[in-house]
């Protein structure tokens, strides 16, 4: 099986700029690990944000009823 060894990332800003990065480097793995950690920390906040959304919904419905 043949695997790619490079990752092409386009800037997406219309300039035509791009970066070519070797896949499987320590830097890439560290970046993935950082992203996983960031996502895990965001997932830990979901319950708090859902509770806040419910709280705001109740406040808004009370304000709407009083108008």
Protein backbone atom coordinates (compact mmCIF):
# COMPACT_ATOMS: atom_id res chain seq x y z
CA UNK A 1 0.00 0.00 0.00
CA UNK A 2 1.37 3.43 -0.89
CA UNK A 3 0.92 6.38 1.47
CA UNK A 4 1.31 10.10 0.89
CA UNK A 5 4.22 11.74 2.68
CA UNK A 6 3.25 15.41 2.21
CA UNK A 7 0.24 17.51 3.20
CA UNK A 8 -0.68 20.44 0.95
CA UNK A 9 -2.52 23.23 2.81
CA UNK A 10 -4.00 26.04 0.72
CA UNK A 11 -4.26 29.48 2.31
CA UNK A 12 -7.83 29.98 1.05
CA UNK A 13 -7.44 33.76 0.87
CA UNK A 14 -7.26 33.99 -2.90
CA UNK A 15 -3.51 34.69 -2.98
CA UNK A 16 -2.53 31.24 -4.16
CA UNK A 17 -0.27 30.74 -1.15
CA UNK A 18 0.19 27.27 0.21
CA UNK A 19 2.31 25.25 2.61
CA UNK A 20 3.68 21.79 2.09
CA UNK A 21 4.24 19.81 5.29
CA UNK A 22 5.70 16.38 5.77
CA UNK A 23 3.14 13.98 7.23
CA UNK A 24 4.03 12.02 10.33
CA UNK A 25 6.54 14.43 11.83
CA UNK A 26 6.78 14.99 15.57
CA UNK A 27 5.53 18.55 15.06
CA UNK A 28 2.44 17.31 13.26
CA UNK A 29 1.70 14.74 15.96
CA UNK A 30 2.07 17.42 18.64
CA UNK A 31 -0.36 19.63 16.73
CA UNK A 32 -2.88 16.82 16.57
CA UNK A 33 -2.41 16.13 20.29
CA UNK A 34 -3.01 19.85 21.04
CA UNK A 35 -6.16 19.82 18.94
CA UNK A 36 -7.44 16.71 20.70
CA UNK A 37 -6.80 18.34 24.09
CA UNK A 38 -8.60 21.51 22.98
CA UNK A 39 -11.61 19.51 21.81
CA UNK A 40 -11.71 17.53 25.06
CA UNK A 41 -11.69 20.70 27.12
CA UNK A 42 -14.50 22.15 25.01
CA UNK A 43 -16.53 18.97 25.46
CA UNK A 44 -16.17 19.31 29.23
CA UNK A 45 -17.91 22.69 29.01
CA UNK A 46 -20.97 21.43 27.11
CA UNK A 47 -23.13 20.83 30.20
CA UNK A 48 -22.38 24.31 31.53
CA UNK A 49 -23.25 25.94 28.20
CA UNK A 50 -26.45 23.92 27.84
CA UNK A 51 -27.51 25.03 31.33
CA UNK A 52 -26.76 28.64 30.40
CA UNK A 53 -28.84 28.35 27.22
CA UNK A 54 -31.79 27.04 29.25
CA UNK A 55 -31.35 29.86 31.77
CA UNK A 56 -31.35 32.47 29.02
CA UNK A 57 -34.35 30.88 27.33
CA UNK A 58 -36.32 31.13 30.57
CA UNK A 59 -35.32 34.75 31.04
CA UNK A 60 -36.31 35.62 27.50
CA UNK A 61 -39.66 33.86 27.77
CA UNK A 62 -40.43 35.75 31.01
CA UNK A 63 -39.56 39.07 29.34
CA UNK A 64 -41.66 38.20 26.31
CA UNK A 65 -44.69 37.35 28.48
CA UNK A 66 -44.49 40.64 30.38
CA UNK A 67 -44.60 42.75 27.21
